[in-house]
Amino acid sequence: MLGYVPLGMNQLVTVAIVSYNGQICCSLTADYDQVPDVEVLAAGIETGLGQLSGLAG
């Protein structure tokens, strides 16, 4: 399953977070011309979820 949030008026980045059956899926949509470093946000989300998972055991 993959969440998707389309960009609306004056939105540069959207984030969808879906939780199902013990898993979490995050999806980013961005205007690449305005946010060319969206992969930095994606990496931060991945790192943060990894840290939370480690703390939760």
PDB file of N, CA and C in Angstrom:
ATOM      1  N   MET A   1       0.850  -1.157   0.000  1.00  0.00           N
ATOM      2  CA  MET A   1       0.000   0.000   0.000  1.00  0.00           C
ATOM      3  C   MET A   1       0.904   1.231   0.000  1.00  0.00           C
ATOM      4  N   LEU A   2       0.516   2.229  -0.760  1.00  0.00           N
ATOM      5  CA  LEU A   2       1.286   3.464  -0.841  1.00  0.00           C
ATOM      6  C   LEU A   2       0.324   4.638  -0.808  1.00  0.00           C
ATOM      7  N   GLY A   3       0.555   5.541   0.139  1.00  0.00           N
ATOM      8  CA  GLY A   3      -0.281   6.736   0.224  1.00  0.00           C
ATOM      9  C   GLY A   3       0.176   7.786  -0.773  1.00  0.00           C
ATOM     10  N   TYR A   4      -0.755   8.616  -1.192  1.00  0.00           N
ATOM     11  CA  TYR A   4      -0.419   9.689  -2.130  1.00  0.00           C
ATOM     12  C   TYR A   4      -1.272  10.910  -1.807  1.00  0.00           C
ATOM     13  N   VAL A   5      -0.628  12.053  -1.665  1.00  0.00           N
ATOM     14  CA  VAL A   5      -1.331  13.317  -1.471  1.00  0.00           C
ATOM     15  C   VAL A   5      -0.888  14.238  -2.602  1.00  0.00           C
ATOM     16  N   PRO A   6      -1.807  14.621  -3.476  1.00  0.00           N
ATOM     17  CA  PRO A   6      -1.422  15.506  -4.582  1.00  0.00           C
ATOM     18  C   PRO A   6      -1.093  16.911  -4.076  1.00  0.00           C
ATOM     19  N   LEU A   7      -0.273  17.597  -4.836  1.00  0.00           N
ATOM     20  CA  LEU A   7       0.044  18.976  -4.502  1.00  0.00           C
ATOM     21  C   LEU A   7      -1.150  19.864  -4.817  1.00  0.00           C
ATOM     22  N   GLY A   8      -1.479  20.732  -3.891  1.00  0.00           N
ATOM     23  CA  GLY A   8      -2.558  21.691  -4.097  1.00  0.00           C
ATOM     24  C   GLY A   8      -1.980  23.066  -4.358  1.00  0.00           C
ATOM     25  N   MET A   9      -2.851  24.031  -4.422  1.00  0.00           N
ATOM     26  CA  MET A   9      -2.418  25.406  -4.664  1.00  0.00           C
ATOM     27  C   MET A   9      -1.449  25.860  -3.585  1.00  0.00           C
ATOM     28  N   ASN A  10      -0.324  26.401  -3.980  1.00  0.00           N
ATOM     29  CA  ASN A  10       0.691  26.948  -3.072  1.00  0.00           C
ATOM     30  C   ASN A  10       1.311  25.908  -2.139  1.00  0.00           C
ATOM     31  N   GLN A  11       1.187  24.637  -2.457  1.00  0.00           N
ATOM     32  CA  GLN A  11       1.850  23.599  -1.666  1.00  0.00           C
ATOM     33  C   GLN A  11       3.076  23.128  -2.433  1.00  0.00           C
ATOM     34  N   LEU A  12       4.194  23.064  -1.730  1.00  0.00           N
ATOM     35  CA  LEU A  12       5.430  22.613  -2.374  1.00  0.00           C
ATOM     36  C   LEU A  12       5.763  21.174  -2.038  1.00  0.00           C
ATOM     37  N   VAL A  13       5.331  20.713  -0.857  1.00  0.00           N
ATOM     38  CA  VAL A  13       5.605  19.347  -0.411  1.00  0.00           C
ATOM     39  C   VAL A  13       4.377  18.816   0.319  1.00  0.00           C
ATOM     40  N   THR A  14       4.021  17.559   0.040  1.00  0.00           N
ATOM     41  CA  THR A  14       2.992  16.884   0.822  1.00  0.00           C
ATOM     42  C   THR A  14       3.559  15.564   1.322  1.00  0.00           C
ATOM     43  N   VAL A  15       3.051  15.121   2.462  1.00  0.00           N
ATOM     44  CA  VAL A  15       3.504  13.870   3.067  1.00  0.00           C
ATOM     45  C   VAL A  15       2.286  13.020   3.378  1.00  0.00           C
ATOM     46  N   ALA A  16       2.330  11.769   2.951  1.00  0.00           N
ATOM     47  CA  ALA A  16       1.283  10.808   3.297  1.00  0.00           C
ATOM     48  C   ALA A  16       1.915   9.755   4.194  1.00  0.00           C
ATOM     49  N   ILE A  17       1.249   9.426   5.286  1.00  0.00           N
ATOM     50  CA  ILE A  17       1.721   8.386   6.190  1.00  0.00           C
ATOM     51  C   ILE A  17       0.580   7.391   6.377  1.00  0.00           C
ATOM     52  N   VAL A  18       0.842   6.140   6.029  1.00  0.00           N
ATOM     53  CA  VAL A  18      -0.166   5.096   6.122  1.00  0.00           C
ATOM     54  C   VAL A  18       0.360   3.998   7.036  1.00  0.00           C
ATOM     55  N   SER A  19      -0.458   3.594   7.984  1.00  0.00           N
ATOM     56  CA  SER A  19      -0.121   2.493   8.875  1.00  0.00           C
ATOM     57  C   SER A  19      -1.113   1.368   8.637  1.00  0.00           C
ATOM     58  N   TYR A  20      -0.587   0.167   8.368  1.00  0.00           N
ATOM     59  CA  TYR A  20      -1.460  -0.979   8.125  1.00  0.00           C
ATOM     60  C   TYR A  20      -0.731  -2.266   8.474  1.00  0.00           C
ATOM     61  N   ASN A  21      -1.386  -3.107   9.236  1.00  0.00           N
ATOM     62  CA  ASN A  21      -0.886  -4.442   9.536  1.00  0.00           C
ATOM     63  C   ASN A  21       0.541  -4.430  10.101  1.00  0.00           C
ATOM     64  N   GLY A  22       0.807  -3.495  11.013  1.00  0.00           N
ATOM     65  CA  GLY A  22       2.105  -3.442  11.676  1.00  0.00           C
ATOM     66  C   GLY A  22       3.202  -2.746  10.899  1.00  0.00           C
ATOM     67  N   GLN A  23       2.884  -2.162   9.763  1.00  0.00           N
ATOM     68  CA  GLN A  23       3.890  -1.470   8.965  1.00  0.00           C
ATOM     69  C   GLN A  23       3.487  -0.014   8.757  1.00  0.00           C
ATOM     70  N   ILE A  24       4.495   0.829   8.555  1.00  0.00           N
ATOM     71  CA  ILE A  24       4.262   2.245   8.264  1.00  0.00           C
ATOM     72  C   ILE A  24       4.885   2.554   6.908  1.00  0.00           C
ATOM     73  N   CYS A  25       4.124   3.242   6.077  1.00  0.00           N
ATOM     74  CA  CYS A  25       4.610   3.650   4.763  1.00  0.00           C
ATOM     75  C   CYS A  25       4.500   5.169   4.670  1.00  0.00           C
ATOM     76  N   CYS A  26       5.576   5.828   4.275  1.00  0.00           N
ATOM     77  CA  CYS A  26       5.578   7.275   4.086  1.00  0.00           C
ATOM     78  C   CYS A  26       5.818   7.580   2.613  1.00  0.00           C
ATOM     79  N   SER A  27       5.096   8.550   2.117  1.00  0.00           N
ATOM     80  CA  SER A  27       5.221   8.942   0.720  1.00  0.00           C
ATOM     81  C   SER A  27       5.329  10.466   0.633  1.00  0.00           C
ATOM     82  N   LEU A  28       6.258  10.946  -0.171  1.00  0.00           N
ATOM     83  CA  LEU A  28       6.437  12.381  -0.363  1.00  0.00           C
ATOM     84  C   LEU A  28       6.104  12.744  -1.806  1.00  0.00           C
ATOM     85  N   THR A  29       5.449  13.867  -1.971  1.00  0.00           N
ATOM     86  CA  THR A  29       5.226  14.448  -3.287  1.00  0.00           C
ATOM     87  C   THR A  29       5.741  15.877  -3.205  1.00  0.00           C
ATOM     88  N   ALA A  30       6.542  16.282  -4.186  1.00  0.00           N
ATOM     89  CA  ALA A  30       7.131  17.623  -4.128  1.00  0.00           C
ATOM     90  C   ALA A  30       7.229  18.241  -5.516  1.00  0.00           C
ATOM     91  N   ASP A  31       7.201  19.549  -5.547  1.00  0.00           N
ATOM     92  CA  ASP A  31       7.467  20.314  -6.759  1.00  0.00           C
ATOM     93  C   ASP A  31       8.986  20.395  -6.890  1.00  0.00           C
ATOM     94  N   TYR A  32       9.541  19.596  -7.785  1.00  0.00           N
ATOM     95  CA  TYR A  32      11.000  19.487  -7.871  1.00  0.00           C
ATOM     96  C   TYR A  32      11.663  20.817  -8.233  1.00  0.00           C
ATOM     97  N   ASP A  33      10.995  21.651  -8.991  1.00  0.00           N
ATOM     98  CA  ASP A  33      11.577  22.949  -9.353  1.00  0.00           C
ATOM     99  C   ASP A  33      11.746  23.853  -8.132  1.00  0.00           C
ATOM    100  N   GLN A  34      10.871  23.714  -7.155  1.00  0.00           N
ATOM    101  CA  GLN A  34      10.919  24.554  -5.959  1.00  0.00           C
ATOM    102  C   GLN A  34      11.603  23.864  -4.779  1.00  0.00           C
ATOM    103  N   VAL A  35      11.608  22.521  -4.768  1.00  0.00           N
ATOM    104  CA  VAL A  35      12.180  21.752  -3.648  1.00  0.00           C
ATOM    105  C   VAL A  35      13.083  20.659  -4.235  1.00  0.00           C
ATOM    106  N   PRO A  36      14.224  21.051  -4.799  1.00  0.00           N
ATOM    107  CA  PRO A  36      15.085  20.063  -5.460  1.00  0.00           C
ATOM    108  C   PRO A  36      15.803  19.118  -4.488  1.00  0.00           C
ATOM    109  N   ASP A  37      15.769  19.430  -3.192  1.00  0.00           N
ATOM    110  CA  ASP A  37      16.458  18.577  -2.213  1.00  0.00           C
ATOM    111  C   ASP A  37      15.461  17.791  -1.349  1.00  0.00           C
ATOM    112  N   VAL A  38      14.357  17.382  -1.953  1.00  0.00           N
ATOM    113  CA  VAL A  38      13.335  16.643  -1.198  1.00  0.00           C
ATOM    114  C   VAL A  38      13.882  15.331  -0.639  1.00  0.00           C
ATOM    115  N   GLU A  39      14.933  14.806  -1.239  1.00  0.00           N
ATOM    116  CA  GLU A  39      15.528  13.564  -0.722  1.00  0.00           C
ATOM    117  C   GLU A  39      16.115  13.763   0.678  1.00  0.00           C
ATOM    118  N   VAL A  40      16.478  14.985   1.042  1.00  0.00           N
ATOM    119  CA  VAL A  40      16.960  15.267   2.400  1.00  0.00           C
ATOM    120  C   VAL A  40      15.826  15.039   3.401  1.00  0.00           C
ATOM    121  N   LEU A  41      14.628  15.497   3.065  1.00  0.00           N
ATOM    122  CA  LEU A  41      13.463  15.256   3.916  1.00  0.00           C
ATOM    123  C   LEU A  41      13.169  13.761   4.005  1.00  0.00           C
ATOM    124  N   ALA A  42      13.215  13.070   2.875  1.00  0.00           N
ATOM    125  CA  ALA A  42      12.961  11.622   2.859  1.00  0.00           C
ATOM    126  C   ALA A  42      13.965  10.881   3.737  1.00  0.00           C
ATOM    127  N   ALA A  43      15.225  11.244   3.639  1.00  0.00           N
ATOM    128  CA  ALA A  43      16.253  10.600   4.466  1.00  0.00           C
ATOM    129  C   ALA A  43      16.027  10.883   5.946  1.00  0.00           C
ATOM    130  N   GLY A  44      15.612  12.097   6.269  1.00  0.00           N
ATOM    131  CA  GLY A  44      15.330  12.446   7.660  1.00  0.00           C
ATOM    132  C   GLY A  44      14.170  11.651   8.229  1.00  0.00           C
ATOM    133  N   ILE A  45      13.130  11.463   7.431  1.00  0.00           N
ATOM    134  CA  ILE A  45      11.993  10.656   7.873  1.00  0.00           C
ATOM    135  C   ILE A  45      12.432   9.212   8.095  1.00  0.00           C
ATOM    136  N   GLU A  46      13.202   8.684   7.163  1.00  0.00           N
ATOM    137  CA  GLU A  46      13.685   7.306   7.292  1.00  0.00           C
ATOM    138  C   GLU A  46      14.567   7.140   8.536  1.00  0.00           C
ATOM    139  N   THR A  47      15.459   8.085   8.771  1.00  0.00           N
ATOM    140  CA  THR A  47      16.325   8.034   9.953  1.00  0.00           C
ATOM    141  C   THR A  47      15.505   8.125  11.230  1.00  0.00           C
ATOM    142  N   GLY A  48      14.564   9.053  11.275  1.00  0.00           N
ATOM    143  CA  GLY A  48      13.724   9.225  12.460  1.00  0.00           C
ATOM    144  C   GLY A  48      12.884   8.000  12.770  1.00  0.00           C
ATOM    145  N   LEU A  49      12.302   7.388  11.735  1.00  0.00           N
ATOM    146  CA  LEU A  49      11.516   6.177  11.964  1.00  0.00           C
ATOM    147  C   LEU A  49      12.398   5.021  12.429  1.00  0.00           C
ATOM    148  N   GLY A  50      13.615   4.961  11.906  1.00  0.00           N
ATOM    149  CA  GLY A  50      14.561   3.943  12.371  1.00  0.00           C
ATOM    150  C   GLY A  50      14.912   4.117  13.834  1.00  0.00           C
ATOM    151  N   GLN A  51      15.105   5.356  14.250  1.00  0.00           N
ATOM    152  CA  GLN A  51      15.406   5.634  15.661  1.00  0.00           C
ATOM    153  C   GLN A  51      14.225   5.284  16.552  1.00  0.00           C
ATOM    154  N   LEU A  52      13.027   5.646  16.129  1.00  0.00           N
ATOM    155  CA  LEU A  52      11.838   5.322  16.915  1.00  0.00           C
ATOM    156  C   LEU A  52      11.641   3.808  17.023  1.00  0.00           C
ATOM    157  N   SER A  53      11.888   3.119  15.929  1.00  0.00           N
ATOM    158  CA  SER A  53      11.765   1.665  15.932  1.00  0.00           C
ATOM    159  C   SER A  53      12.755   1.030  16.907  1.00  0.00           C
ATOM    160  N   GLY A  54      13.976   1.568  16.918  1.00  0.00           N
ATOM    161  CA  GLY A  54      14.992   1.057  17.847  1.00  0.00           C
ATOM    162  C   GLY A  54      14.616   1.299  19.303  1.00  0.00           C
ATOM    163  N   LEU A  55      14.025   2.437  19.573  1.00  0.00           N
ATOM    164  CA  LEU A  55      13.599   2.759  20.944  1.00  0.00           C
ATOM    165  C   LEU A  55      12.420   1.905  21.376  1.00  0.00           C
ATOM    166  N   ALA A  56      11.555   1.579  20.410  1.00  0.00           N
ATOM    167  CA  ALA A  56      10.363   0.790  20.729  1.00  0.00           C
ATOM    168  C   ALA A  56      10.698  -0.690  20.925  1.00  0.00           C
ATOM    169  N   GLY A  57      11.826  -1.101  20.351  1.00  0.00           N
ATOM    170  CA  GLY A  57      12.215  -2.511  20.495  1.00  0.00           C
ATOM    171  C   GLY A  57      11.499  -3.317  19.503  1.00  0.00           C
TER     172      GLY A  57
END
